[in-house]
Every structure is written in C-alpha cells, then in structure tokens.
PDB file of N, CA and C in Angstrom:
ATOM      1  N   MET A   1      -3.926   5.761  18.067  1.00  0.00           N
ATOM      2  CA  MET A   1      -5.252   5.113  17.455  1.00  0.00           C
ATOM      3  C   MET A   1      -4.685   4.975  15.957  1.00  0.00           C
ATOM      4  N   LEU A   2      -4.930   3.768  15.366  1.00  0.00           N
ATOM      5  CA  LEU A   2      -4.686   3.565  14.036  1.00  0.00           C
ATOM      6  C   LEU A   2      -5.629   3.672  13.069  1.00  0.00           C
ATOM      7  N   MET A   3      -5.429   4.177  11.856  1.00  0.00           N
ATOM      8  CA  MET A   3      -6.373   4.249  11.059  1.00  0.00           C
ATOM      9  C   MET A   3      -5.668   4.068   9.492  1.00  0.00           C
ATOM     10  N   TRP A   4      -6.648   4.159   8.739  1.00  0.00           N
ATOM     11  CA  TRP A   4      -6.174   4.110   7.244  1.00  0.00           C
ATOM     12  C   TRP A   4      -6.064   5.761   6.858  1.00  0.00           C
ATOM     13  N   ARG A   5      -4.906   6.019   6.046  1.00  0.00           N
ATOM     14  CA  ARG A   5      -5.055   7.475   5.412  1.00  0.00           C
ATOM     15  C   ARG A   5      -4.705   7.321   4.179  1.00  0.00           C
ATOM     16  N   ARG A   6      -5.236   8.449   3.260  1.00  0.00           N
ATOM     17  CA  ARG A   6      -5.132   8.434   1.889  1.00  0.00           C
ATOM     18  C   ARG A   6      -3.632   8.604   1.747  1.00  0.00           C
ATOM     19  N   LEU A   7      -2.698   7.812   0.486  1.00  0.00           N
ATOM     20  CA  LEU A   7      -1.709   8.022   0.197  1.00  0.00           C
ATOM     21  C   LEU A   7      -1.404   8.987  -1.017  1.00  0.00           C
ATOM     22  N   GLN A   8      -0.505  10.003  -0.741  1.00  0.00           N
ATOM     23  CA  GLN A   8      -0.576  10.902  -1.908  1.00  0.00           C
ATOM     24  C   GLN A   8       0.576  10.421  -2.541  1.00  0.00           C
ATOM     25  N   GLN A   9       0.895  11.350  -3.871  1.00  0.00           N
ATOM     26  CA  GLN A   9       1.893  10.714  -4.868  1.00  0.00           C
ATOM     27  C   GLN A   9       3.189  11.341  -4.269  1.00  0.00           C
ATOM     28  N   ASP A  10       3.222  12.413  -3.394  1.00  0.00           N
ATOM     29  CA  ASP A  10       4.636  12.643  -2.806  1.00  0.00           C
ATOM     30  C   ASP A  10       5.235  11.928  -1.685  1.00  0.00           C
ATOM     31  N   ASP A  11       4.084  11.317  -1.039  1.00  0.00           N
ATOM     32  CA  ASP A  11       4.298  10.577   0.223  1.00  0.00           C
ATOM     33  C   ASP A  11       5.531   9.339   0.053  1.00  0.00           C
ATOM     34  N   GLY A  12       6.193   9.291   1.191  1.00  0.00           N
ATOM     35  CA  GLY A  12       7.501   8.234   1.159  1.00  0.00           C
ATOM     36  C   GLY A  12       6.768   7.025   1.476  1.00  0.00           C
ATOM     37  N   VAL A  13       6.891   5.971   0.739  1.00  0.00           N
ATOM     38  CA  VAL A  13       6.461   4.597   1.054  1.00  0.00           C
ATOM     39  C   VAL A  13       7.824   3.673   1.383  1.00  0.00           C
ATOM     40  N   PHE A  14       7.664   2.942   2.445  1.00  0.00           N
ATOM     41  CA  PHE A  14       8.724   2.087   2.960  1.00  0.00           C
ATOM     42  C   PHE A  14       8.338   0.518   2.829  1.00  0.00           C
ATOM     43  N   VAL A  15       9.268  -0.189   2.847  1.00  0.00           N
ATOM     44  CA  VAL A  15       9.187  -1.650   2.809  1.00  0.00           C
ATOM     45  C   VAL A  15       8.640  -1.916   4.227  1.00  0.00           C
ATOM     46  N   GLY A  16       7.519  -2.741   4.248  1.00  0.00           N
ATOM     47  CA  GLY A  16       6.867  -2.994   5.468  1.00  0.00           C
ATOM     48  C   GLY A  16       5.753  -2.476   5.714  1.00  0.00           C
ATOM     49  N   ASP A  17       5.453  -0.930   5.068  1.00  0.00           N
ATOM     50  CA  ASP A  17       4.105  -0.685   4.916  1.00  0.00           C
ATOM     51  C   ASP A  17       2.870  -1.414   4.625  1.00  0.00           C
ATOM     52  N   THR A  18       2.057  -1.212   5.205  1.00  0.00           N
ATOM     53  CA  THR A  18       0.565  -2.069   4.839  1.00  0.00           C
ATOM     54  C   THR A  18      -0.406  -0.933   4.030  1.00  0.00           C
ATOM     55  N   ILE A  19      -0.628  -1.444   2.779  1.00  0.00           N
ATOM     56  CA  ILE A  19      -1.406  -0.795   1.714  1.00  0.00           C
ATOM     57  C   ILE A  19      -2.692  -1.276   1.322  1.00  0.00           C
ATOM     58  N   ARG A  20      -3.648  -0.625   0.976  1.00  0.00           N
ATOM     59  CA  ARG A  20      -4.784  -1.325   0.433  1.00  0.00           C
ATOM     60  C   ARG A  20      -5.435  -0.291  -0.580  1.00  0.00           C
ATOM     61  N   PHE A  21      -5.944  -0.792  -1.936  1.00  0.00           N
ATOM     62  CA  PHE A  21      -6.546  -0.007  -2.965  1.00  0.00           C
ATOM     63  C   PHE A  21      -8.046   0.516  -2.450  1.00  0.00           C
ATOM     64  N   CYS A  22      -8.436   1.474  -2.947  1.00  0.00           N
ATOM     65  CA  CYS A  22      -9.663   2.254  -2.675  1.00  0.00           C
ATOM     66  C   CYS A  22     -10.516   2.704  -3.787  1.00  0.00           C
ATOM     67  N   SER A  23     -11.708   2.796  -3.751  1.00  0.00           N
ATOM     68  CA  SER A  23     -12.610   3.392  -5.243  1.00  0.00           C
ATOM     69  C   SER A  23     -13.050   4.681  -4.840  1.00  0.00           C
ATOM     70  N   GLY A  24     -13.363   5.576  -5.690  1.00  0.00           N
ATOM     71  CA  GLY A  24     -13.828   6.762  -5.704  1.00  0.00           C
ATOM     72  C   GLY A  24     -13.742   7.723  -4.607  1.00  0.00           C
ATOM     73  N   SER A  25     -14.314   8.991  -4.393  1.00  0.00           N
ATOM     74  CA  SER A  25     -14.114   9.871  -3.531  1.00  0.00           C
ATOM     75  C   SER A  25     -14.564   9.352  -2.114  1.00  0.00           C
ATOM     76  N   GLN A  26     -15.322   8.227  -1.829  1.00  0.00           N
ATOM     77  CA  GLN A  26     -15.839   7.693  -0.814  1.00  0.00           C
ATOM     78  C   GLN A  26     -14.844   7.217  -0.142  1.00  0.00           C
ATOM     79  N   VAL A  27     -13.707   6.797  -0.857  1.00  0.00           N
ATOM     80  CA  VAL A  27     -12.773   6.103  -0.193  1.00  0.00           C
ATOM     81  C   VAL A  27     -13.151   4.630   0.548  1.00  0.00           C
ATOM     82  N   LYS A  28     -13.753   3.786  -0.382  1.00  0.00           N
ATOM     83  CA  LYS A  28     -14.281   2.501  -0.150  1.00  0.00           C
ATOM     84  C   LYS A  28     -13.237   1.663  -0.420  1.00  0.00           C
ATOM     85  N   PRO A  29     -12.994   0.580   0.278  1.00  0.00           N
ATOM     86  CA  PRO A  29     -12.024  -0.287  -0.353  1.00  0.00           C
ATOM     87  C   PRO A  29     -12.694  -1.074  -1.288  1.00  0.00           C
ATOM     88  N   LEU A  30     -11.594  -1.290  -2.380  1.00  0.00           N
ATOM     89  CA  LEU A  30     -11.879  -2.292  -3.380  1.00  0.00           C
ATOM     90  C   LEU A  30     -12.411  -3.708  -3.114  1.00  0.00           C
ATOM     91  N   HIS A  31     -11.732  -4.005  -2.196  1.00  0.00           N
ATOM     92  CA  HIS A  31     -11.769  -5.421  -1.818  1.00  0.00           C
ATOM     93  C   HIS A  31     -11.193  -5.496  -0.392  1.00  0.00           C
ATOM     94  N   ASP A  32     -11.143  -6.680   0.260  1.00  0.00           N
ATOM     95  CA  ASP A  32     -10.561  -7.046   1.472  1.00  0.00           C
ATOM     96  C   ASP A  32      -9.191  -7.225   1.424  1.00  0.00           C
ATOM     97  N   GLU A  33      -8.574  -7.255   0.250  1.00  0.00           N
ATOM     98  CA  GLU A  33      -7.196  -7.501   0.300  1.00  0.00           C
ATOM     99  C   GLU A  33      -6.345  -6.416   0.872  1.00  0.00           C
ATOM    100  N   VAL A  34      -5.202  -6.703   1.536  1.00  0.00           N
ATOM    101  CA  VAL A  34      -4.313  -5.835   2.148  1.00  0.00           C
ATOM    102  C   VAL A  34      -3.142  -6.549   1.642  1.00  0.00           C
ATOM    103  N   TYR A  35      -2.166  -5.325   1.332  1.00  0.00           N
ATOM    104  CA  TYR A  35      -0.808  -5.547   0.832  1.00  0.00           C
ATOM    105  C   TYR A  35       0.377  -4.982   1.805  1.00  0.00           C
ATOM    106  N   ARG A  36       1.407  -5.542   1.319  1.00  0.00           N
ATOM    107  CA  ARG A  36       2.574  -5.288   2.173  1.00  0.00           C
ATOM    108  C   ARG A  36       3.565  -4.785   1.106  1.00  0.00           C
ATOM    109  N   VAL A  37       4.297  -3.656   1.608  1.00  0.00           N
ATOM    110  CA  VAL A  37       5.312  -3.210   0.695  1.00  0.00           C
ATOM    111  C   VAL A  37       6.533  -3.988   0.889  1.00  0.00           C
ATOM    112  N   VAL A  38       7.167  -4.541  -0.306  1.00  0.00           N
ATOM    113  CA  VAL A  38       8.274  -5.602  -0.420  1.00  0.00           C
ATOM    114  C   VAL A  38       9.517  -4.719  -0.936  1.00  0.00           C
ATOM    115  N   LYS A  39       9.261  -3.887  -1.679  1.00  0.00           N
ATOM    116  CA  LYS A  39      10.555  -3.268  -2.359  1.00  0.00           C
ATOM    117  C   LYS A  39       9.922  -1.839  -2.636  1.00  0.00           C
ATOM    118  N   THR A  40      11.015  -0.810  -2.580  1.00  0.00           N
ATOM    119  CA  THR A  40      10.780   0.432  -3.004  1.00  0.00           C
ATOM    120  C   THR A  40      11.963   1.100  -3.925  1.00  0.00           C
ATOM    121  N   ASP A  41      11.493   2.081  -4.779  1.00  0.00           N
ATOM    122  CA  ASP A  41      12.390   2.674  -5.668  1.00  0.00           C
ATOM    123  C   ASP A  41      12.227   4.091  -6.104  1.00  0.00           C
ATOM    124  N   GLN A  42      12.763   4.845  -6.422  1.00  0.00           N
ATOM    125  CA  GLN A  42      12.588   6.291  -6.801  1.00  0.00           C
ATOM    126  C   GLN A  42      11.274   6.498  -7.595  1.00  0.00           C
ATOM    127  N   HIS A  43      10.848   5.657  -8.332  1.00  0.00           N
ATOM    128  CA  HIS A  43       9.615   5.859  -9.175  1.00  0.00           C
ATOM    129  C   HIS A  43       8.469   4.820  -8.946  1.00  0.00           C
ATOM    130  N   TYR A  44       8.549   3.803  -8.178  1.00  0.00           N
ATOM    131  CA  TYR A  44       7.500   3.073  -8.183  1.00  0.00           C
ATOM    132  C   TYR A  44       7.915   2.038  -6.781  1.00  0.00           C
ATOM    133  N   PHE A  45       7.130   1.038  -6.461  1.00  0.00           N
ATOM    134  CA  PHE A  45       7.134   0.282  -5.476  1.00  0.00           C
ATOM    135  C   PHE A  45       6.379  -0.742  -5.607  1.00  0.00           C
ATOM    136  N   GLU A  46       6.885  -2.221  -5.018  1.00  0.00           N
ATOM    137  CA  GLU A  46       6.424  -3.434  -5.294  1.00  0.00           C
ATOM    138  C   GLU A  46       5.412  -3.895  -4.038  1.00  0.00           C
ATOM    139  N   ILE A  47       4.338  -4.511  -4.082  1.00  0.00           N
ATOM    140  CA  ILE A  47       3.556  -4.943  -3.137  1.00  0.00           C
ATOM    141  C   ILE A  47       3.089  -6.474  -3.391  1.00  0.00           C
ATOM    142  N   ILE A  48       2.886  -7.029  -2.478  1.00  0.00           N
ATOM    143  CA  ILE A  48       2.243  -8.455  -2.269  1.00  0.00           C
ATOM    144  C   ILE A  48       1.169  -8.473  -1.249  1.00  0.00           C
ATOM    145  N   ARG A  49       0.063  -9.333  -1.578  1.00  0.00           N
ATOM    146  CA  ARG A  49      -0.983  -9.743  -0.689  1.00  0.00           C
ATOM    147  C   ARG A  49      -0.280 -10.095   0.745  1.00  0.00           C
ATOM    148  N   LYS A  50      -0.854  -9.489   1.880  1.00  0.00           N
ATOM    149  CA  LYS A  50      -0.343  -9.783   2.960  1.00  0.00           C
ATOM    150  C   LYS A  50      -0.355 -11.352   3.192  1.00  0.00           C
ATOM    151  N   ILE A  51      -1.513 -11.957   2.855  1.00  0.00           N
ATOM    152  CA  ILE A  51      -1.672 -13.376   2.973  1.00  0.00           C
ATOM    153  C   ILE A  51      -0.681 -14.326   2.561  1.00  0.00           C
ATOM    154  N   GLU A  52      -0.142 -13.897   1.425  1.00  0.00           N
ATOM    155  CA  GLU A  52       0.879 -14.403   0.563  1.00  0.00           C
ATOM    156  C   GLU A  52       2.357 -14.258   1.264  1.00  0.00           C
ATOM    157  N   ILE A  53       2.753 -13.628   2.228  1.00  0.00           N
ATOM    158  CA  ILE A  53       3.708 -13.258   3.157  1.00  0.00           C
ATOM    159  C   ILE A  53       4.401 -14.503   3.401  1.00  0.00           C
ATOM    160  N   SER A  54       3.645 -15.635   3.956  1.00  0.00           N
ATOM    161  CA  SER A  54       3.985 -17.030   4.559  1.00  0.00           C
ATOM    162  C   SER A  54       4.283 -17.795   3.555  1.00  0.00           C
ATOM    163  N   LEU A  55       4.038 -17.728   2.380  1.00  0.00           N
ATOM    164  CA  LEU A  55       4.311 -18.441   1.386  1.00  0.00           C
ATOM    165  C   LEU A  55       5.713 -18.307   0.733  1.00  0.00           C
ATOM    166  N   SER A  56       6.040 -19.213  -0.193  1.00  0.00           N
ATOM    167  CA  SER A  56       7.679 -19.449  -0.744  1.00  0.00           C
ATOM    168  C   SER A  56       7.568 -18.096  -1.640  1.00  0.00           C
ATOM    169  N   PRO A  57       8.663 -17.445  -1.896  1.00  0.00           N
ATOM    170  CA  PRO A  57       8.968 -16.353  -2.725  1.00  0.00           C
ATOM    171  C   PRO A  57       8.392 -16.570  -4.189  1.00  0.00           C
ATOM    172  N   GLU A  58       8.582 -17.759  -4.746  1.00  0.00           N
ATOM    173  CA  GLU A  58       8.273 -18.191  -6.120  1.00  0.00           C
ATOM    174  C   GLU A  58       6.954 -18.185  -6.194  1.00  0.00           C
ATOM    175  N   SER A  59       6.045 -18.299  -5.210  1.00  0.00           N
ATOM    176  CA  SER A  59       4.523 -18.612  -5.424  1.00  0.00           C
ATOM    177  C   SER A  59       3.736 -17.285  -5.181  1.00  0.00           C
ATOM    178  N   PHE A  60       4.197 -16.022  -4.881  1.00  0.00           N
ATOM    179  CA  PHE A  60       3.647 -15.066  -4.590  1.00  0.00           C
ATOM    180  C   PHE A  60       3.560 -14.071  -5.992  1.00  0.00           C
ATOM    181  N   GLN A  61       2.602 -13.409  -6.063  1.00  0.00           N
ATOM    182  CA  GLN A  61       2.561 -12.369  -7.297  1.00  0.00           C
ATOM    183  C   GLN A  61       2.742 -10.869  -6.671  1.00  0.00           C
ATOM    184  N   ARG A  62       3.573 -10.297  -7.271  1.00  0.00           N
ATOM    185  CA  ARG A  62       4.077  -8.972  -6.989  1.00  0.00           C
ATOM    186  C   ARG A  62       3.219  -7.997  -7.850  1.00  0.00           C
ATOM    187  N   LYS A  63       2.883  -6.787  -7.190  1.00  0.00           N
ATOM    188  CA  LYS A  63       2.236  -5.993  -8.321  1.00  0.00           C
ATOM    189  C   LYS A  63       2.972  -4.663  -8.054  1.00  0.00           C
ATOM    190  N   ILE A  64       3.300  -3.916  -9.131  1.00  0.00           N
ATOM    191  CA  ILE A  64       4.112  -2.699  -9.009  1.00  0.00           C
ATOM    192  C   ILE A  64       3.212  -1.760  -9.403  1.00  0.00           C
ATOM    193  N   VAL A  65       3.521  -0.608  -8.194  1.00  0.00           N
ATOM    194  CA  VAL A  65       2.731   0.641  -8.316  1.00  0.00           C
ATOM    195  C   VAL A  65       3.528   1.872  -8.568  1.00  0.00           C
ATOM    196  N   ARG A  66       3.469   2.535  -9.782  1.00  0.00           N
ATOM    197  CA  ARG A  66       4.105   3.671  -9.885  1.00  0.00           C
ATOM    198  C   ARG A  66       3.716   5.087  -9.137  1.00  0.00           C
ATOM    199  N   PHE A  67       4.435   5.898  -8.568  1.00  0.00           N
ATOM    200  CA  PHE A  67       4.237   7.001  -7.655  1.00  0.00           C
ATOM    201  C   PHE A  67       3.393   8.172  -8.471  1.00  0.00           C
ATOM    202  N   ILE A  68       3.420   8.048  -9.871  1.00  0.00           N
ATOM    203  CA  ILE A  68       3.066   8.892 -10.768  1.00  0.00           C
ATOM    204  C   ILE A  68       1.340   8.556 -10.798  1.00  0.00           C
ATOM    205  N   ASP A  69       1.046   7.078 -10.619  1.00  0.00           N
ATOM    206  CA  ASP A  69      -0.133   6.761 -10.884  1.00  0.00           C
ATOM    207  C   ASP A  69      -1.018   7.199  -9.482  1.00  0.00           C
ATOM    208  N   ILE A  70      -0.360   7.520  -8.322  1.00  0.00           N
ATOM    209  CA  ILE A  70      -1.398   7.298  -7.013  1.00  0.00           C
ATOM    210  C   ILE A  70      -2.034   8.955  -7.204  1.00  0.00           C
ATOM    211  N   GLY A  71      -3.343   9.048  -7.017  1.00  0.00           N
ATOM    212  CA  GLY A  71      -4.201  10.051  -6.934  1.00  0.00           C
ATOM    213  C   GLY A  71      -4.800  10.258  -8.466  1.00  0.00           C
ATOM    214  N   TYR A  72      -4.294   9.616  -9.538  1.00  0.00           N
ATOM    215  CA  TYR A  72      -4.842   9.933 -10.859  1.00  0.00           C
ATOM    216  C   TYR A  72      -5.475   8.601 -11.407  1.00  0.00           C
ATOM    217  N   ASN A  73      -4.646   7.617 -11.538  1.00  0.00           N
ATOM    218  CA  ASN A  73      -5.306   6.286 -11.962  1.00  0.00           C
ATOM    219  C   ASN A  73      -5.542   5.295 -10.733  1.00  0.00           C
ATOM    220  N   ILE A  74      -4.934   5.381  -9.670  1.00  0.00           N
ATOM    221  CA  ILE A  74      -5.256   4.439  -8.500  1.00  0.00           C
ATOM    222  C   ILE A  74      -5.314   5.467  -7.351  1.00  0.00           C
ATOM    223  N   LEU A  75      -6.345   5.068  -6.389  1.00  0.00           N
ATOM    224  CA  LEU A  75      -6.294   5.397  -5.011  1.00  0.00           C
ATOM    225  C   LEU A  75      -5.825   4.482  -4.180  1.00  0.00           C
ATOM    226  N   LEU A  76      -4.883   4.736  -3.031  1.00  0.00           N
ATOM    227  CA  LEU A  76      -4.185   3.960  -1.864  1.00  0.00           C
ATOM    228  C   LEU A  76      -4.475   4.475  -0.799  1.00  0.00           C
ATOM    229  N   GLU A  77      -4.606   3.796   0.309  1.00  0.00           N
ATOM    230  CA  GLU A  77      -4.581   4.191   1.652  1.00  0.00           C
ATOM    231  C   GLU A  77      -3.301   3.283   2.341  1.00  0.00           C
ATOM    232  N   ARG A  78      -3.012   3.970   3.335  1.00  0.00           N
ATOM    233  CA  ARG A  78      -1.746   3.400   4.245  1.00  0.00           C
ATOM    234  C   ARG A  78      -2.288   3.301   5.711  1.00  0.00           C
ATOM    235  N   TRP A  79      -2.097   2.055   6.312  1.00  0.00           N
ATOM    236  CA  TRP A  79      -2.216   1.993   7.891  1.00  0.00           C
ATOM    237  C   TRP A  79      -1.404   2.879   8.437  1.00  0.00           C
ATOM    238  N   THR A  80      -1.751   3.842   9.396  1.00  0.00           N
ATOM    239  CA  THR A  80      -1.005   4.637  10.204  1.00  0.00           C
ATOM    240  C   THR A  80      -1.410   4.864  11.583  1.00  0.00           C
ATOM    241  N   ASP A  81      -0.875   5.600  12.319  1.00  0.00           N
ATOM    242  CA  ASP A  81      -1.409   6.028  13.470  1.00  0.00           C
ATOM    243  C   ASP A  81      -1.822   7.561  13.391  1.00  0.00           C
ATOM    244  N   MET A  82      -2.553   8.021  14.395  1.00  0.00           N
ATOM    245  CA  MET A  82      -3.154   9.207  14.221  1.00  0.00           C
ATOM    246  C   MET A  82      -2.294  10.322  14.054  1.00  0.00           C
ATOM    247  N   GLN A  83      -0.956  10.147  14.504  1.00  0.00           N
ATOM    248  CA  GLN A  83       0.044  11.363  14.300  1.00  0.00           C
ATOM    249  C   GLN A  83       0.877  11.164  13.050  1.00  0.00           C
ATOM    250  N   GLY A  84       0.387  10.359  12.126  1.00  0.00           N
ATOM    251  CA  GLY A  84       0.865  10.168  10.749  1.00  0.00           C
ATOM    252  C   GLY A  84       2.055   9.247  10.790  1.00  0.00           C
ATOM    253  N   ARG A  85       2.203   8.445  11.666  1.00  0.00           N
ATOM    254  CA  ARG A  85       3.375   7.667  11.797  1.00  0.00           C
ATOM    255  C   ARG A  85       3.029   6.218  11.256  1.00  0.00           C
ATOM    256  N   ARG A  86       3.571   5.761  10.557  1.00  0.00           N
ATOM    257  CA  ARG A  86       3.470   4.292  10.098  1.00  0.00           C
ATOM    258  C   ARG A  86       3.549   3.389  10.986  1.00  0.00           C
ATOM    259  N   SER A  87       2.596   2.363  11.158  1.00  0.00           N
ATOM    260  CA  SER A  87       2.570   1.235  12.162  1.00  0.00           C
ATOM    261  C   SER A  87       3.963   0.388  11.925  1.00  0.00           C
ATOM    262  N   PRO A  88       4.560  -0.221  12.768  1.00  0.00           N
ATOM    263  CA  PRO A  88       5.404  -1.141  12.768  1.00  0.00           C
ATOM    264  C   PRO A  88       5.211  -2.364  11.670  1.00  0.00           C
ATOM    265  N   ALA A  89       5.874  -2.609  11.270  1.00  0.00           N
ATOM    266  CA  ALA A  89       6.069  -3.889  10.110  1.00  0.00           C
ATOM    267  C   ALA A  89       6.069  -5.096  10.884  1.00  0.00           C
TER     268      ALA A  89
END
C-alpha cells in the first residue's frame, strides 16, 4: 500500500522521489502541488513541480531544499509504500 510519510532531516532523498510540503503537526498538505526530486547533493536537493516535468528545462522553476531546514523550517512528506521503500520514479 502506498502512502505519504513524513520526511526526516537524516532521511536520504533520491532523484525521482515524489515530495510535497506540509503545514503544522496535523500534516495537512500546504497545497495540491506535488514535486519531483531532480538533483541531490550532500547538503541540499532540488525539486520541480511534477506538472512541469513535461515542459522544456528552461521553463520550469527549481526549488532548493536544505536538509538542515527539514523538520525545523519546513515539513515535507515523501510518497512511499508501507515497508518504507520509495515508489518507483
């Protein structure tokens, strides 16, 4: 079974992961936008809205998320299956 799981600061993030922003302790999505991880680094990762993936690379807007901000400044969830594995890209 697939579900959204809270992303922790020390969790690994991989290219192709599906991410969404949340608000507060009730973990409500901030909006209906879902993002795809397009680049990872030791200290941050880059995401774009999933709807923009089909557009040309020059037209989509990337967001940079620093791992240190997860859980403190922002709340994120990743789409996973019940065993904690990421869903295929």
